[in-house]
C-alpha atoms as a PDB file:
ATOM      1  CA  MET A   1      24.242 -34.643 -29.374  1.00  0.00           C
ATOM      2  CA  LEU A   2      24.899 -30.989 -30.207  1.00  0.00           C
ATOM      3  CA  ALA A   3      25.952 -31.476 -33.824  1.00  0.00           C
ATOM      4  CA  ALA A   4      22.892 -33.581 -34.634  1.00  0.00           C
ATOM      5  CA  GLY A   5      20.678 -30.928 -33.029  1.00  0.00           C
ATOM      6  CA  VAL A   6      22.233 -28.220 -35.184  1.00  0.00           C
ATOM      7  CA  HIS A   7      21.742 -30.393 -38.275  1.00  0.00           C
ATOM      8  CA  ALA A   8      18.092 -30.907 -37.423  1.00  0.00           C
ATOM      9  CA  TYR A   9      17.737 -27.161 -36.930  1.00  0.00           C
ATOM     10  CA  LEU A  10      19.272 -26.395 -40.334  1.00  0.00           C
ATOM     11  CA  ARG A  11      16.927 -28.855 -42.022  1.00  0.00           C
ATOM     12  CA  SER A  12      13.951 -27.317 -40.236  1.00  0.00           C
ATOM     13  CA  MET A  13      14.867 -23.915 -41.670  1.00  0.00           C
ATOM     14  CA  ALA A  14      14.288 -25.324 -45.146  1.00  0.00           C
ATOM     15  CA  GLY A  15      10.627 -25.861 -44.282  1.00  0.00           C
ATOM     16  CA  GLU A  16       8.305 -28.842 -44.349  1.00  0.00           C
ATOM     17  CA  ARG A  17       7.940 -28.682 -48.145  1.00  0.00           C
ATOM     18  CA  ALA A  18      11.657 -28.423 -48.861  1.00  0.00           C
ATOM     19  CA  PRO A  19      12.760 -30.431 -51.900  1.00  0.00           C
ATOM     20  CA  ARG A  20      14.821 -33.560 -51.370  1.00  0.00           C
ATOM     21  CA  VAL A  21      17.542 -34.988 -53.594  1.00  0.00           C
ATOM     22  CA  GLY A  22      19.039 -38.276 -52.444  1.00  0.00           C
ATOM     23  CA  PRO A  23      20.204 -37.816 -48.830  1.00  0.00           C
ATOM     24  CA  PHE A  24      20.020 -34.010 -49.042  1.00  0.00           C
ATOM     25  CA  THR A  25      17.437 -31.451 -47.907  1.00  0.00           C
ATOM     26  CA  LEU A  26      17.530 -28.336 -50.094  1.00  0.00           C
ATOM     27  CA  LYS A  27      16.846 -24.817 -48.857  1.00  0.00           C
ATOM     28  CA  PHE A  28      16.071 -22.225 -51.508  1.00  0.00           C
ATOM     29  CA  ASP A  29      15.029 -18.590 -51.416  1.00  0.00           C
ATOM     30  CA  GLU A  30      13.139 -17.920 -54.625  1.00  0.00           C
ATOM     31  CA  HIS A  31      13.554 -14.145 -54.218  1.00  0.00           C
ATOM     32  CA  ASP A  32      17.240 -13.941 -53.280  1.00  0.00           C
ATOM     33  CA  ASP A  33      20.182 -15.772 -54.823  1.00  0.00           C
ATOM     34  CA  ALA A  34      22.623 -14.781 -52.050  1.00  0.00           C
ATOM     35  CA  LEU A  35      24.673 -17.734 -50.844  1.00  0.00           C
ATOM     36  CA  PRO A  36      23.538 -17.668 -47.178  1.00  0.00           C
ATOM     37  CA  PHE A  37      19.922 -18.258 -48.211  1.00  0.00           C
ATOM     38  CA  ASN A  38      20.468 -21.158 -50.599  1.00  0.00           C
ATOM     39  CA  TYR A  39      22.148 -24.396 -49.525  1.00  0.00           C
ATOM     40  CA  ALA A  40      21.681 -28.107 -48.891  1.00  0.00           C
ATOM     41  CA  ILE A  41      22.018 -30.086 -45.667  1.00  0.00           C
ATOM     42  CA  PRO A  42      22.935 -33.788 -45.770  1.00  0.00           C
ATOM     43  CA  ASP A  43      21.176 -36.387 -43.683  1.00  0.00           C
ATOM     44  CA  ASP A  44      23.035 -37.560 -40.616  1.00  0.00           C
ATOM     45  CA  ALA A  45      25.562 -40.272 -41.557  1.00  0.00           C
ATOM     46  CA  ALA A  46      24.801 -39.732 -45.262  1.00  0.00           C
ATOM     47  CA  THR A  47      26.905 -41.585 -47.842  1.00  0.00           C
ATOM     48  CA  PRO A  48      25.882 -39.952 -51.132  1.00  0.00           C
ATOM     49  CA  THR A  49      26.667 -41.463 -54.492  1.00  0.00           C
ATOM     50  CA  GLU A  50      28.205 -39.599 -57.415  1.00  0.00           C
ATOM     51  CA  GLN A  51      24.821 -39.707 -59.125  1.00  0.00           C
ATOM     52  CA  GLU A  52      23.079 -38.154 -56.122  1.00  0.00           C
ATOM     53  CA  VAL A  53      25.622 -35.333 -55.984  1.00  0.00           C
ATOM     54  CA  ALA A  54      25.131 -34.751 -59.715  1.00  0.00           C
ATOM     55  CA  ALA A  55      21.376 -34.560 -59.156  1.00  0.00           C
ATOM     56  CA  LEU A  56      21.969 -32.101 -56.297  1.00  0.00           C
ATOM     57  CA  VAL A  57      24.043 -29.871 -58.572  1.00  0.00           C
ATOM     58  CA  ALA A  58      21.358 -30.021 -61.246  1.00  0.00           C
ATOM     59  CA  ALA A  59      18.653 -28.972 -58.771  1.00  0.00           C
ATOM     60  CA  PHE A  60      20.633 -25.845 -57.904  1.00  0.00           C
ATOM     61  CA  ARG A  61      21.506 -25.052 -61.522  1.00  0.00           C
ATOM     62  CA  GLU A  62      17.843 -25.360 -62.542  1.00  0.00           C
ATOM     63  CA  ARG A  63      17.044 -22.589 -60.058  1.00  0.00           C
ATOM     64  CA  SER A  64      20.029 -20.425 -61.085  1.00  0.00           C
ATOM     65  CA  ARG A  65      21.624 -20.963 -57.693  1.00  0.00           C
ATOM     66  CA  THR A  66      25.192 -21.874 -56.747  1.00  0.00           C
ATOM     67  CA  PRO A  67      25.372 -25.541 -55.676  1.00  0.00           C
ATOM     68  CA  ARG A  68      26.477 -25.458 -52.067  1.00  0.00           C
ATOM     69  CA  LEU A  69      26.055 -27.030 -48.633  1.00  0.00           C
ATOM     70  CA  GLU A  70      26.190 -25.810 -45.052  1.00  0.00           C
ATOM     71  CA  TYR A  71      26.521 -28.591 -42.503  1.00  0.00           C
ATOM     72  CA  VAL A  72      28.420 -30.101 -39.577  1.00  0.00           C
ATOM     73  CA  PRO A  73      31.003 -32.560 -40.969  1.00  0.00           C
ATOM     74  CA  GLN A  74      31.085 -34.490 -37.695  1.00  0.00           C
ATOM     75  CA  VAL A  75      27.516 -35.634 -38.320  1.00  0.00           C
ATOM     76  CA  ALA A  76      28.061 -36.684 -41.930  1.00  0.00           C
ATOM     77  CA  PRO A  77      31.789 -37.434 -42.295  1.00  0.00           C
ATOM     78  CA  GLU A  78      31.487 -39.297 -45.614  1.00  0.00           C
ATOM     79  CA  VAL A  79      29.965 -36.382 -47.512  1.00  0.00           C
ATOM     80  CA  GLU A  80      32.934 -34.062 -47.957  1.00  0.00           C
ATOM     81  CA  GLY A  81      35.087 -36.531 -49.865  1.00  0.00           C
ATOM     82  CA  VAL A  82      32.341 -37.183 -52.413  1.00  0.00           C
ATOM     83  CA  LEU A  83      31.779 -33.445 -52.859  1.00  0.00           C
ATOM     84  CA  LEU A  84      35.482 -32.753 -53.340  1.00  0.00           C
ATOM     85  CA  ALA A  85      35.679 -35.494 -55.961  1.00  0.00           C
ATOM     86  CA  ALA A  86      32.812 -33.765 -57.786  1.00  0.00           C
ATOM     87  CA  GLY A  87      34.728 -30.475 -57.911  1.00  0.00           C
ATOM     88  CA  PHE A  88      33.335 -28.722 -54.843  1.00  0.00           C
ATOM     89  CA  THR A  89      35.691 -26.501 -52.831  1.00  0.00           C
ATOM     90  CA  ALA A  90      35.399 -25.348 -49.242  1.00  0.00           C
ATOM     91  CA  GLU A  91      34.269 -21.743 -48.763  1.00  0.00           C
ATOM     92  CA  GLY A  92      35.348 -21.972 -45.158  1.00  0.00           C
ATOM     93  CA  ARG A  93      35.410 -23.981 -41.952  1.00  0.00           C
ATOM     94  CA  TYR A  94      33.859 -22.014 -39.133  1.00  0.00           C
ATOM     95  CA  PRO A  95      33.772 -22.556 -35.384  1.00  0.00           C
ATOM     96  CA  LEU A  96      30.420 -23.811 -34.161  1.00  0.00           C
ATOM     97  CA  MET A  97      29.941 -21.858 -30.944  1.00  0.00           C
ATOM     98  CA  ILE A  98      27.243 -22.274 -28.306  1.00  0.00           C
ATOM     99  CA  CYS A  99      26.046 -20.577 -25.134  1.00  0.00           C
ATOM    100  CA  PRO A 100      23.740 -23.127 -23.483  1.00  0.00           C
ATOM    101  CA  ALA A 101      21.007 -22.103 -21.103  1.00  0.00           C
ATOM    102  CA  GLY A 102      22.218 -22.481 -17.531  1.00  0.00           C
ATOM    103  CA  SER A 103      25.841 -21.799 -18.456  1.00  0.00           C
ATOM    104  CA  GLY A 104      25.761 -18.361 -16.831  1.00  0.00           C
ATOM    105  CA  ALA A 105      24.324 -15.052 -17.952  1.00  0.00           C
ATOM    106  CA  ALA A 106      25.261 -14.062 -21.487  1.00  0.00           C
ATOM    107  CA  ALA A 107      27.392 -10.973 -20.976  1.00  0.00           C
ATOM    108  CA  GLY A 108      27.648  -7.886 -23.094  1.00  0.00           C
ATOM    109  CA  GLU A 109      26.761  -4.236 -22.831  1.00  0.00           C
ATOM    110  CA  PRO A 110      27.748  -1.359 -25.097  1.00  0.00           C
ATOM    111  CA  ALA A 111      30.976   0.315 -24.059  1.00  0.00           C
ATOM    112  CA  GLU A 112      30.662   3.236 -21.667  1.00  0.00           C
ATOM    113  CA  GLY A 113      29.904   6.307 -23.717  1.00  0.00           C
ATOM    114  CA  ALA A 114      28.841   4.285 -26.771  1.00  0.00           C
ATOM    115  CA  GLY A 115      25.618   6.264 -26.873  1.00  0.00           C
ATOM    116  CA  VAL A 116      23.344   3.416 -27.938  1.00  0.00           C
ATOM    117  CA  ARG A 117      20.332   1.568 -26.578  1.00  0.00           C
ATOM    118  CA  VAL A 118      19.863  -2.131 -27.360  1.00  0.00           C
ATOM    119  CA  SER A 119      16.369  -3.631 -27.536  1.00  0.00           C
ATOM    120  CA  LEU A 120      14.165  -6.275 -29.125  1.00  0.00           C
ATOM    121  CA  VAL A 121      11.863  -5.046 -31.890  1.00  0.00           C
ATOM    122  CA  THR A 122       8.800  -6.307 -33.734  1.00  0.00           C
ATOM    123  CA  ASP A 123       7.416  -3.325 -35.696  1.00  0.00           C
ATOM    124  CA  ASP A 124       7.930  -3.055 -39.433  1.00  0.00           C
ATOM    125  CA  ALA A 125       9.699   0.323 -39.275  1.00  0.00           C
ATOM    126  CA  ALA A 126      12.406  -1.123 -37.030  1.00  0.00           C
ATOM    127  CA  LEU A 127      12.639  -4.293 -39.141  1.00  0.00           C
ATOM    128  CA  TRP A 128      13.280  -2.180 -42.240  1.00  0.00           C
ATOM    129  CA  GLN A 129      16.079  -0.357 -40.440  1.00  0.00           C
ATOM    130  CA  ALA A 130      17.514  -3.601 -39.087  1.00  0.00           C
ATOM    131  CA  ALA A 131      17.539  -5.050 -42.607  1.00  0.00           C
ATOM    132  CA  ALA A 132      19.282  -1.921 -43.896  1.00  0.00           C
ATOM    133  CA  VAL A 133      22.033  -2.230 -41.267  1.00  0.00           C
ATOM    134  CA  MET A 134      22.552  -5.934 -42.002  1.00  0.00           C
ATOM    135  CA  ASN A 135      22.657  -5.416 -45.762  1.00  0.00           C
ATOM    136  CA  THR A 136      25.080  -2.520 -45.427  1.00  0.00           C
ATOM    137  CA  ALA A 137      27.388  -4.443 -43.100  1.00  0.00           C
ATOM    138  CA  PHE A 138      27.388  -7.530 -45.335  1.00  0.00           C
ATOM    139  CA  GLU A 139      27.667  -5.520 -48.567  1.00  0.00           C
ATOM    140  CA  ALA A 140      24.300  -6.698 -49.868  1.00  0.00           C
ATOM    141  CA  PRO A 141      21.860  -4.610 -51.950  1.00  0.00           C
ATOM    142  CA  ALA A 142      19.431  -2.235 -50.269  1.00  0.00           C
ATOM    143  CA  PRO A 143      16.659  -4.053 -48.379  1.00  0.00           C
ATOM    144  CA  THR A 144      13.390  -4.984 -50.020  1.00  0.00           C
ATOM    145  CA  GLU A 145       9.992  -6.121 -48.814  1.00  0.00           C
ATOM    146  CA  HIS A 146      11.329  -9.665 -49.000  1.00  0.00           C
ATOM    147  CA  ASP A 147      14.034  -8.935 -46.406  1.00  0.00           C
ATOM    148  CA  VAL A 148      11.435  -7.589 -44.001  1.00  0.00           C
ATOM    149  CA  ALA A 149       9.080 -10.491 -44.693  1.00  0.00           C
ATOM    150  CA  ARG A 150      11.921 -12.901 -43.911  1.00  0.00           C
ATOM    151  CA  MET A 151      12.419 -11.296 -40.502  1.00  0.00           C
ATOM    152  CA  ARG A 152       8.677 -11.243 -39.913  1.00  0.00           C
ATOM    153  CA  ARG A 153       8.622 -15.022 -40.454  1.00  0.00           C
ATOM    154  CA  ILE A 154      11.402 -15.369 -37.890  1.00  0.00           C
ATOM    155  CA  LEU A 155       9.330 -13.449 -35.353  1.00  0.00           C
ATOM    156  CA  ASP A 156       6.153 -15.371 -36.177  1.00  0.00           C
ATOM    157  CA  GLY A 157       8.071 -18.617 -35.643  1.00  0.00           C
ATOM    158  CA  GLY A 158       9.255 -17.669 -32.161  1.00  0.00           C
ATOM    159  CA  GLY A 159      12.569 -16.029 -33.061  1.00  0.00           C
ATOM    160  CA  GLN A 160      13.795 -12.553 -32.163  1.00  0.00           C
ATOM    161  CA  VAL A 161      15.199  -9.433 -33.821  1.00  0.00           C
ATOM    162  CA  ALA A 162      17.326  -6.965 -31.876  1.00  0.00           C
ATOM    163  CA  VAL A 163      18.629  -3.509 -32.738  1.00  0.00           C
ATOM    164  CA  ALA A 164      21.012  -0.942 -31.323  1.00  0.00           C
ATOM    165  CA  GLU A 165      19.702   2.611 -31.544  1.00  0.00           C
ATOM    166  CA  ASP A 166      21.841   5.748 -31.397  1.00  0.00           C
ATOM    167  CA  ILE A 167      20.245   7.612 -28.492  1.00  0.00           C
ATOM    168  CA  THR A 168      21.097  11.011 -29.979  1.00  0.00           C
ATOM    169  CA  SER A 169      19.976  10.603 -33.583  1.00  0.00           C
ATOM    170  CA  GLY A 170      17.505   7.740 -33.193  1.00  0.00           C
ATOM    171  CA  GLU A 171      19.262   5.914 -36.044  1.00  0.00           C
ATOM    172  CA  ILE A 172      19.469   2.125 -35.942  1.00  0.00           C
ATOM    173  CA  VAL A 173      23.203   1.398 -36.049  1.00  0.00           C
ATOM    174  CA  GLY A 174      23.340  -2.280 -35.091  1.00  0.00           C
ATOM    175  CA  ALA A 175      21.142  -5.342 -35.532  1.00  0.00           C
ATOM    176  CA  GLY A 176      20.939  -9.123 -35.302  1.00  0.00           C
ATOM    177  CA  GLN A 177      18.468 -11.970 -35.170  1.00  0.00           C
ATOM    178  CA  LEU A 178      17.767 -15.261 -33.448  1.00  0.00           C
ATOM    179  CA  GLY A 179      16.170 -17.785 -35.769  1.00  0.00           C
ATOM    180  CA  ARG A 180      12.912 -19.553 -35.089  1.00  0.00           C
ATOM    181  CA  PRO A 181      13.713 -22.411 -32.688  1.00  0.00           C
ATOM    182  CA  HIS A 182      13.612 -26.126 -33.420  1.00  0.00           C
ATOM    183  CA  LEU A 183      13.663 -28.528 -30.476  1.00  0.00           C
ATOM    184  CA  GLY A 184      15.400 -25.955 -28.287  1.00  0.00           C
ATOM    185  CA  VAL A 185      18.056 -25.022 -30.865  1.00  0.00           C
ATOM    186  CA  ALA A 186      18.297 -21.674 -32.696  1.00  0.00           C
ATOM    187  CA  GLU A 187      20.956 -19.728 -34.558  1.00  0.00           C
ATOM    188  CA  VAL A 188      22.137 -16.232 -33.703  1.00  0.00           C
ATOM    189  CA  ALA A 189      22.887 -14.634 -37.067  1.00  0.00           C
ATOM    190  CA  GLY A 190      23.146 -11.403 -39.010  1.00  0.00           C
ATOM    191  CA  ILE A 191      24.992  -9.576 -36.227  1.00  0.00           C
ATOM    192  CA  ALA A 192      25.857  -6.275 -37.870  1.00  0.00           C
ATOM    193  CA  VAL A 193      27.056  -2.808 -36.875  1.00  0.00           C
ATOM    194  CA  LEU A 194      27.455   0.217 -39.133  1.00  0.00           C
ATOM    195  CA  PRO A 195      31.102   1.229 -39.701  1.00  0.00           C
ATOM    196  CA  SER A 196      30.502   4.524 -37.901  1.00  0.00           C
ATOM    197  CA  HIS A 197      29.671   2.733 -34.632  1.00  0.00           C
ATOM    198  CA  ARG A 198      32.066  -0.198 -34.520  1.00  0.00           C
ATOM    199  CA  ARG A 199      34.454  -0.975 -31.657  1.00  0.00           C
ATOM    200  CA  ARG A 200      31.914   0.159 -29.077  1.00  0.00           C
ATOM    201  CA  GLY A 201      30.778  -3.257 -27.834  1.00  0.00           C
ATOM    202  CA  ILE A 202      27.554  -3.116 -29.820  1.00  0.00           C
ATOM    203  CA  ALA A 203      27.866  -6.475 -31.584  1.00  0.00           C
ATOM    204  CA  GLY A 204      28.455  -8.240 -28.273  1.00  0.00           C
ATOM    205  CA  ALA A 205      25.544  -6.431 -26.648  1.00  0.00           C
ATOM    206  CA  VAL A 206      23.145  -7.396 -29.461  1.00  0.00           C
ATOM    207  CA  THR A 207      24.356 -11.012 -29.287  1.00  0.00           C
ATOM    208  CA  ALA A 208      23.933 -11.162 -25.511  1.00  0.00           C
ATOM    209  CA  LEU A 209      20.430  -9.700 -25.640  1.00  0.00           C
ATOM    210  CA  LEU A 210      19.311 -12.199 -28.281  1.00  0.00           C
ATOM    211  CA  THR A 211      20.844 -15.055 -26.301  1.00  0.00           C
ATOM    212  CA  ARG A 212      19.100 -14.087 -23.060  1.00  0.00           C
ATOM    213  CA  ALA A 213      15.821 -13.573 -24.912  1.00  0.00           C
ATOM    214  CA  GLY A 214      16.178 -17.043 -26.398  1.00  0.00           C
ATOM    215  CA  TRP A 215      16.758 -18.578 -23.007  1.00  0.00           C
ATOM    216  CA  ASP A 216      13.665 -16.793 -21.688  1.00  0.00           C
ATOM    217  CA  THR A 217      11.540 -18.396 -24.399  1.00  0.00           C
ATOM    218  CA  GLY A 218      12.858 -21.921 -23.861  1.00  0.00           C
ATOM    219  CA  ILE A 219      15.779 -22.087 -26.278  1.00  0.00           C
ATOM    220  CA  THR A 220      18.389 -24.262 -24.618  1.00  0.00           C
ATOM    221  CA  THR A 221      21.105 -24.181 -27.284  1.00  0.00           C
ATOM    222  CA  PRO A 222      21.665 -20.913 -29.118  1.00  0.00           C
ATOM    223  CA  PHE A 223      24.552 -21.281 -31.561  1.00  0.00           C
ATOM    224  CA  LEU A 224      26.472 -19.202 -34.078  1.00  0.00           C
ATOM    225  CA  THR A 225      29.285 -19.541 -36.609  1.00  0.00           C
ATOM    226  CA  PRO A 226      31.597 -16.486 -36.683  1.00  0.00           C
ATOM    227  CA  GLY A 227      33.036 -15.594 -40.043  1.00  0.00           C
ATOM    228  CA  ASP A 228      36.475 -14.672 -38.713  1.00  0.00           C
ATOM    229  CA  ASP A 229      38.635 -14.603 -35.592  1.00  0.00           C
ATOM    230  CA  ALA A 230      37.688 -11.033 -34.690  1.00  0.00           C
ATOM    231  CA  ALA A 231      33.990 -11.920 -34.643  1.00  0.00           C
ATOM    232  CA  GLY A 232      34.807 -15.058 -32.675  1.00  0.00           C
ATOM    233  CA  ARG A 233      36.457 -12.991 -29.954  1.00  0.00           C
ATOM    234  CA  VAL A 234      33.336 -10.845 -29.689  1.00  0.00           C
ATOM    235  CA  TYR A 235      31.214 -13.933 -29.132  1.00  0.00           C
ATOM    236  CA  VAL A 236      33.626 -15.399 -26.581  1.00  0.00           C
ATOM    237  CA  ARG A 237      33.242 -12.211 -24.554  1.00  0.00           C
ATOM    238  CA  ALA A 238      29.465 -12.617 -24.846  1.00  0.00           C
ATOM    239  CA  GLY A 239      29.684 -16.076 -23.254  1.00  0.00           C
ATOM    240  CA  TYR A 240      30.005 -18.408 -26.251  1.00  0.00           C
ATOM    241  CA  HIS A 241      32.542 -21.204 -26.616  1.00  0.00           C
ATOM    242  CA  LYS A 242      33.573 -23.475 -29.472  1.00  0.00           C
ATOM    243  CA  ALA A 243      31.834 -26.846 -29.540  1.00  0.00           C
ATOM    244  CA  GLY A 244      32.420 -28.046 -33.083  1.00  0.00           C
ATOM    245  CA  GLU A 245      32.894 -26.978 -36.676  1.00  0.00           C
ATOM    246  CA  ALA A 246      30.635 -26.017 -39.563  1.00  0.00           C
ATOM    247  CA  LEU A 247      31.589 -26.456 -43.210  1.00  0.00           C
ATOM    248  CA  HIS A 248      30.395 -24.284 -46.098  1.00  0.00           C
ATOM    249  CA  ILE A 249      31.302 -25.869 -49.433  1.00  0.00           C
ATOM    250  CA  SER A 250      30.255 -25.013 -52.982  1.00  0.00           C
ATOM    251  CA  LEU A 251      30.723 -25.692 -56.685  1.00  0.00           C
ATOM    252  CA  ARG A 252      31.480 -22.537 -58.669  1.00  0.00           C
END
């Protein structure tokens, strides 16, 4: 079942030593309090109590993090109601899109005349530049050693990092990553393009390259969750289709 596979993947990203509270696995980044790096994932078919949700909130507050979850409601349909009763509100409901291996080649090349080259990278210099592009695009602070170390862990775990390079200046103008796989599932994330190079097909090209690279290394189910309709259209053109829904929900 796709949704259960995505749930298992999300829990794996928290690591083997991830803390547990009731039916929740908690993922924390001790160096970065940004929302995308700190969240909980419920067990499949979880039915949490009010006390367990209160303990979950306390675990986040103790670490100066916003209590929040990222999960697939289809897998744990009883969770949302308990969270809403505790004061949580939905940040957003996002399409869960997939491009399974064997579904046809992931399509996407930069537009003619875009003047960029798309490739996979592993060296630290390129990882620094990739982190800078992602942080700029997502309005995050300038990258630090921790951002690069995070991407290095992705590579060490079997994931991929891709960049788009301006062939004239040599500047990295686009980037993205494919998380370390778990049982054939991995997330395409962080797809970013500098404002100066948007609307040239770069985001789709980076997505397609990461998807094909994942297939080549045995990933059967790459997935992503676009933040808006415009991003969703990019991923449809790259070969992805909607297969479910992801919920991000938090207590502010």
